Amino acid sequence: MITSKRLQDRIIDWFIALFLLALGISTLLPLINTLAISLSERAAVSGGMVKLTPVGFNLTAYEYILQDTKFWRAFGISVLRVALGGLLNFALAVLTAFPLSRSEKAFPGRNIFIWMFVFGMILNVGIVPWYLTIAQYKLIDTIWALVLPGAVPIWNVIILMNFFRNIPKELDEAARIDGANPWQLLWHIYLPTSLPALATITLFSIVGHWNSFFDGLILMNNPDNYPLQTYIQQLVIADRPILHGGQAQLMVKLSNATLNAAKLFVAMIPILIIYPFLQRYFVRGIMLGAVKE
């Protein structure tokens, strides 16, 4: 009976492993196809011959991108957005989650603030009041319009607050007996023991800022201020890119699909580089942060 049960468990484990393997491969296929298109010749791409491997190896699309100043301007704006937005999200999430993780006795009125944040996350005022508020503060066409509206990521605050609550109270009590004030508790006890949760919310912020394109489309009147994803979105829906200098000669060898695929792939590279360094903290951070008192 025990042997049969173990065999059944092994079969289920293999089934789950095969399912996850198939799911992982299915998520990689679009990425591989995008890379193959970006490296293929114009005729092959136009004829729909490219699947998972390049047809007629061609680096012209990447040569074109190196000369595209607008692409690199948008890339720089996105990097600045991730740096400012990520730092602001991290600081405000920590400074908000720490007092909310304290007991009602230590922080009277804590539950009122928690419900305010929850209502703020659930209720959406709509795009018009959102836009008018940002315009009223004269943030349109500035980098702050992309950063300040989402400066307090409520979902990240909830994850971090629950993670702080699961830190052993004995550590907190021992530090307070030694005379630690709240800032010292946060800096010396809570932050060093919360690396998985901190890495998780950092990854959320970086990916969120990097991939966001809609707010750039709405809040930037000057196309020179577009972040990278908004710039690429405009390229994808455009019939033909505006050419400058030697770019016209390069475009003879390229199709729009090849060029757009190359830009999409270059735009993915920063996230592909950062994610493996934070992924090892991701599962532990999100699971422990989800545990409620």
Protein backbone atom coordinates (compact mmCIF):
# COMPACT_ATOMS: atom_id res chain seq x y z
CA MET A 1 0.00 0.00 0.00
CA ILE A 2 2.79 2.34 1.01
CA THR A 3 4.74 1.40 -2.17
CA SER A 4 1.65 2.07 -4.33
CA LYS A 5 1.16 5.46 -2.67
CA ARG A 6 4.78 6.43 -3.26
CA LEU A 7 4.47 5.37 -6.90
CA GLN A 8 1.35 7.53 -7.18
CA ASP A 9 3.19 10.46 -5.64
CA ARG A 10 6.08 10.00 -8.05
CA ILE A 11 3.69 9.93 -11.01
CA ILE A 12 2.05 13.15 -9.81
CA ASP A 13 5.47 14.75 -9.29
CA TRP A 14 6.53 13.80 -12.80
CA PHE A 15 3.25 15.11 -14.20
CA ILE A 16 3.74 18.44 -12.39
CA ALA A 17 7.37 18.63 -13.53
CA LEU A 18 6.40 17.97 -17.16
CA PHE A 19 3.58 20.50 -16.96
CA LEU A 20 5.90 23.17 -15.55
CA LEU A 21 8.56 22.29 -18.16
CA ALA A 22 6.00 22.70 -20.95
CA LEU A 23 4.78 25.96 -19.40
CA GLY A 24 8.36 27.25 -19.15
CA ILE A 25 9.13 26.33 -22.75
CA SER A 26 5.93 28.03 -23.94
CA THR A 27 7.02 31.27 -22.24
CA LEU A 28 10.46 31.05 -23.88
CA LEU A 29 9.20 30.45 -27.41
CA PRO A 30 8.02 34.06 -28.07
CA LEU A 31 11.36 35.35 -26.78
CA ILE A 32 13.34 32.95 -29.02
CA ASN A 33 11.11 33.83 -31.99
CA THR A 34 11.65 37.56 -31.39
CA LEU A 35 15.43 37.04 -31.28
CA ALA A 36 15.33 34.91 -34.46
CA ILE A 37 13.32 37.56 -36.34
CA SER A 38 15.72 40.29 -35.25
CA LEU A 39 18.64 38.31 -36.71
CA SER A 40 16.99 37.27 -39.99
CA GLU A 41 17.04 38.69 -43.49
CA ARG A 42 14.27 40.94 -44.70
CA ALA A 43 12.88 38.51 -47.30
CA ALA A 44 12.67 35.64 -44.82
CA VAL A 45 10.82 37.76 -42.27
CA SER A 46 8.45 39.21 -44.86
CA GLY A 47 7.74 35.69 -46.15
CA GLY A 48 6.94 34.37 -42.67
CA MET A 49 9.76 31.81 -42.86
CA VAL A 50 11.31 32.57 -39.45
CA LYS A 51 10.29 30.35 -36.54
CA LEU A 52 12.84 29.64 -33.82
CA THR A 53 16.13 30.04 -35.69
CA PRO A 54 17.38 32.97 -37.81
CA VAL A 55 17.08 32.62 -41.59
CA GLY A 56 20.07 34.30 -43.21
CA PHE A 57 22.03 35.67 -40.27
CA ASN A 58 21.80 39.48 -40.29
CA LEU A 59 22.93 42.00 -37.65
CA THR A 60 21.75 45.06 -39.57
CA ALA A 61 18.86 45.68 -37.16
CA TYR A 62 21.24 46.02 -34.22
CA GLU A 63 23.54 48.23 -36.33
CA TYR A 64 20.51 50.43 -36.99
CA ILE A 65 19.67 50.59 -33.27
CA LEU A 66 23.20 51.74 -32.42
CA GLN A 67 22.61 54.77 -34.68
CA ASP A 68 19.10 55.48 -33.39
CA THR A 69 19.54 58.39 -30.98
CA LYS A 70 15.82 58.45 -30.15
CA PHE A 71 15.98 54.84 -29.02
CA TRP A 72 18.88 55.54 -26.68
CA ARG A 73 17.24 58.74 -25.39
CA ALA A 74 14.12 56.70 -24.52
CA PHE A 75 16.35 53.99 -23.03
CA GLY A 76 18.03 56.58 -20.80
CA ILE A 77 14.68 57.97 -19.66
CA SER A 78 13.55 54.48 -18.70
CA VAL A 79 16.78 53.84 -16.79
CA LEU A 80 16.30 57.15 -14.93
CA ARG A 81 12.68 56.26 -14.25
CA VAL A 82 13.62 52.85 -12.83
CA ALA A 83 16.35 54.39 -10.64
CA LEU A 84 14.19 57.22 -9.25
CA GLY A 85 10.95 55.23 -9.11
CA GLY A 86 12.57 52.13 -7.66
CA LEU A 87 14.40 54.09 -4.97
CA LEU A 88 11.27 56.06 -4.08
CA ASN A 89 9.07 52.95 -4.03
CA PHE A 90 11.58 51.12 -1.84
CA ALA A 91 11.99 53.94 0.68
CA LEU A 92 8.29 54.74 1.00
CA ALA A 93 7.27 51.08 1.16
CA VAL A 94 9.71 50.45 4.03
CA LEU A 95 8.78 53.64 5.90
CA THR A 96 5.07 52.87 5.50
CA ALA A 97 5.16 49.14 6.23
CA PHE A 98 7.27 49.38 9.39
CA PRO A 99 4.84 51.47 11.52
CA LEU A 100 1.86 49.54 10.12
CA SER A 101 3.48 46.28 11.24
CA ARG A 102 3.54 47.43 14.86
CA SER A 103 0.83 46.49 17.34
CA GLU A 104 -2.27 48.61 17.88
CA LYS A 105 -0.87 49.49 21.31
CA ALA A 106 2.42 50.73 19.87
CA PHE A 107 0.72 52.61 17.00
CA PRO A 108 -2.80 53.76 17.92
CA GLY A 109 -4.96 54.19 14.85
CA ARG A 110 -2.90 51.74 12.82
CA ASN A 111 -5.99 49.90 11.52
CA ILE A 112 -7.50 53.17 10.24
CA PHE A 113 -4.40 53.77 8.09
CA ILE A 114 -4.43 50.17 6.87
CA TRP A 115 -8.05 50.47 5.73
CA MET A 116 -7.27 53.78 4.03
CA PHE A 117 -4.51 52.09 2.03
CA VAL A 118 -6.76 49.13 1.19
CA PHE A 119 -9.54 51.43 -0.04
CA GLY A 120 -6.99 53.41 -2.01
CA MET A 121 -5.85 50.20 -3.71
CA ILE A 122 -9.37 48.96 -4.48
CA LEU A 123 -11.08 52.20 -5.51
CA ASN A 124 -10.01 53.73 -8.81
CA VAL A 125 -10.85 57.40 -9.32
CA GLY A 126 -10.57 57.12 -13.10
CA ILE A 127 -8.12 58.40 -15.64
CA VAL A 128 -9.49 61.96 -15.94
CA PRO A 129 -9.11 62.97 -12.23
CA TRP A 130 -5.75 61.17 -12.25
CA TYR A 131 -4.54 63.19 -15.25
CA LEU A 132 -5.96 66.51 -13.95
CA THR A 133 -4.26 66.04 -10.59
CA ILE A 134 -0.89 65.45 -12.21
CA ALA A 135 -1.42 68.41 -14.56
CA GLN A 136 -2.43 70.63 -11.62
CA TYR A 137 0.97 69.98 -10.05
CA LYS A 138 2.63 70.88 -13.40
CA LEU A 139 4.29 67.48 -13.74
CA ILE A 140 3.30 66.85 -17.37
CA ASP A 141 6.31 66.22 -19.62
CA THR A 142 8.63 65.67 -16.65
CA ILE A 143 10.16 62.48 -15.29
CA TRP A 144 8.29 63.07 -12.01
CA ALA A 145 4.96 62.47 -13.76
CA LEU A 146 6.11 58.88 -14.29
CA VAL A 147 7.45 58.41 -10.78
CA LEU A 148 5.39 60.32 -8.21
CA PRO A 149 1.83 59.06 -8.96
CA GLY A 150 2.78 55.52 -7.93
CA ALA A 151 5.33 56.48 -5.30
CA VAL A 152 3.62 54.44 -2.56
CA PRO A 153 3.08 50.91 -3.94
CA ILE A 154 0.32 49.66 -1.67
CA TRP A 155 0.65 46.03 -2.72
CA ASN A 156 4.36 46.13 -1.84
CA VAL A 157 3.53 47.77 1.49
CA ILE A 158 1.15 44.90 2.35
CA ILE A 159 3.77 42.27 1.45
CA LEU A 160 6.46 43.99 3.48
CA MET A 161 4.14 44.71 6.43
CA ASN A 162 3.21 41.04 6.72
CA PHE A 163 6.86 40.05 6.42
CA PHE A 164 7.81 42.41 9.27
CA ARG A 165 5.03 40.91 11.42
CA ASN A 166 6.56 37.45 11.05
CA ILE A 167 9.95 38.49 12.39
CA PRO A 168 10.36 36.98 15.91
CA LYS A 169 9.18 39.39 18.58
CA GLU A 170 12.07 38.29 20.79
CA LEU A 171 14.50 40.14 18.50
CA ASP A 172 12.43 43.30 18.79
CA GLU A 173 12.13 43.03 22.58
CA ALA A 174 15.84 42.29 23.07
CA ALA A 175 16.81 45.34 21.01
CA ARG A 176 14.39 47.60 22.88
CA ILE A 177 15.71 46.35 26.22
CA ASP A 178 19.18 47.38 24.98
CA GLY A 179 17.81 50.86 24.31
CA ALA A 180 17.18 50.75 20.56
CA ASN A 181 14.79 53.38 19.22
CA PRO A 182 12.39 52.71 16.27
CA TRP A 183 14.93 53.89 13.65
CA GLN A 184 17.59 51.58 15.09
CA LEU A 185 15.09 48.70 15.18
CA LEU A 186 14.28 49.27 11.53
CA TRP A 187 17.90 49.66 10.39
CA HIS A 188 19.60 46.99 12.49
CA ILE A 189 16.87 44.36 12.99
CA TYR A 190 14.07 44.52 10.44
CA LEU A 191 15.92 45.44 7.23
CA PRO A 192 18.78 42.90 7.54
CA THR A 193 16.31 40.08 8.30
CA SER A 194 13.93 41.02 5.48
CA LEU A 195 16.17 40.64 2.42
CA PRO A 196 13.80 38.20 0.60
CA ALA A 197 10.85 40.58 0.94
CA LEU A 198 12.97 43.62 0.06
CA ALA A 199 14.32 41.87 -3.05
CA THR A 200 10.78 40.91 -4.03
CA ILE A 201 9.32 44.41 -3.79
CA THR A 202 12.40 45.81 -5.54
CA LEU A 203 11.85 43.41 -8.42
CA PHE A 204 8.16 44.37 -8.58
CA SER A 205 9.07 48.06 -8.76
CA ILE A 206 11.82 47.64 -11.36
CA VAL A 207 9.70 45.47 -13.67
CA GLY A 208 6.66 47.70 -13.20
CA HIS A 209 8.50 50.90 -14.08
CA TRP A 210 10.46 49.34 -16.94
CA ASN A 211 7.46 47.74 -18.66
CA SER A 212 4.99 50.59 -18.20
CA PHE A 213 4.11 52.42 -21.42
CA PHE A 214 0.57 53.79 -20.98
CA ASP A 215 1.41 56.57 -18.51
CA GLY A 216 4.22 57.75 -20.81
CA LEU A 217 1.73 57.95 -23.67
CA ILE A 218 -0.74 59.99 -21.60
CA LEU A 219 1.59 62.19 -19.56
CA MET A 220 4.25 63.05 -22.17
CA ASN A 221 3.25 65.56 -24.84
CA ASN A 222 6.74 65.71 -26.33
CA PRO A 223 7.78 62.40 -27.97
CA ASP A 224 11.39 63.15 -26.96
CA ASN A 225 10.31 62.50 -23.36
CA TYR A 226 8.85 59.06 -24.02
CA PRO A 227 10.21 56.21 -21.90
CA LEU A 228 11.45 53.19 -23.85
CA GLN A 229 8.28 51.08 -23.78
CA THR A 230 6.15 54.01 -24.98
CA TYR A 231 8.67 54.70 -27.74
CA ILE A 232 8.58 51.05 -28.85
CA GLN A 233 4.77 50.98 -28.67
CA GLN A 234 4.66 53.95 -31.02
CA LEU A 235 7.11 52.23 -33.38
CA VAL A 236 5.04 49.05 -33.49
CA ILE A 237 1.86 50.88 -34.49
CA ALA A 238 3.67 53.18 -36.96
CA ASP A 239 3.78 52.20 -40.64
CA ARG A 240 7.39 53.29 -41.19
CA PRO A 241 10.02 54.76 -38.88
CA ILE A 242 11.39 58.23 -39.51
CA LEU A 243 14.87 57.78 -41.00
CA HIS A 244 17.95 59.87 -40.42
CA GLY A 245 21.34 59.84 -42.23
CA GLY A 246 22.66 56.38 -43.00
CA GLN A 247 19.62 54.72 -41.47
CA ALA A 248 17.87 54.85 -44.88
CA GLN A 249 20.60 52.65 -46.38
CA LEU A 250 20.31 50.16 -43.55
CA MET A 251 16.50 50.00 -43.85
CA VAL A 252 16.91 48.62 -47.40
CA LYS A 253 18.14 45.41 -45.76
CA LEU A 254 15.48 45.40 -43.03
CA SER A 255 11.76 45.00 -42.61
CA ASN A 256 9.84 46.83 -39.91
CA ALA A 257 9.20 43.51 -38.19
CA THR A 258 12.95 42.80 -37.97
CA LEU A 259 13.72 46.25 -36.62
CA ASN A 260 10.90 46.16 -34.09
CA ALA A 261 11.92 42.67 -32.93
CA ALA A 262 15.50 43.88 -32.38
CA LYS A 263 14.29 46.85 -30.33
CA LEU A 264 11.95 44.64 -28.30
CA PHE A 265 14.80 42.26 -27.56
CA VAL A 266 17.20 45.05 -26.57
CA ALA A 267 14.48 46.46 -24.29
CA MET A 268 14.20 43.09 -22.54
CA ILE A 269 17.92 42.72 -21.84
CA PRO A 270 18.06 44.80 -18.59
CA ILE A 271 15.24 42.77 -17.01
CA LEU A 272 16.83 39.50 -18.20
CA ILE A 273 20.07 40.56 -16.51
CA ILE A 274 18.53 41.76 -13.22
CA TYR A 275 15.96 39.00 -12.69
CA PRO A 276 18.34 36.05 -12.01
CA PHE A 277 20.03 38.00 -9.19
CA LEU A 278 16.72 38.69 -7.41
CA GLN A 279 14.87 35.47 -8.33
CA ARG A 280 16.43 33.41 -5.51
CA TYR A 281 14.73 35.69 -2.97
CA PHE A 282 11.47 35.91 -4.87
CA VAL A 283 9.57 32.78 -3.73
CA ARG A 284 10.50 33.11 -0.07
CA GLY A 285 9.72 36.82 -0.04
CA ILE A 286 6.30 36.57 -1.65
CA MET A 287 5.23 33.52 0.40
CA LEU A 288 6.25 34.82 3.81
CA GLY A 289 4.89 38.23 2.95
CA ALA A 290 1.53 36.64 2.17
CA VAL A 291 1.17 35.04 5.62
CA LYS A 292 -1.34 36.91 7.78
CA GLU A 293 -1.35 37.17 11.54
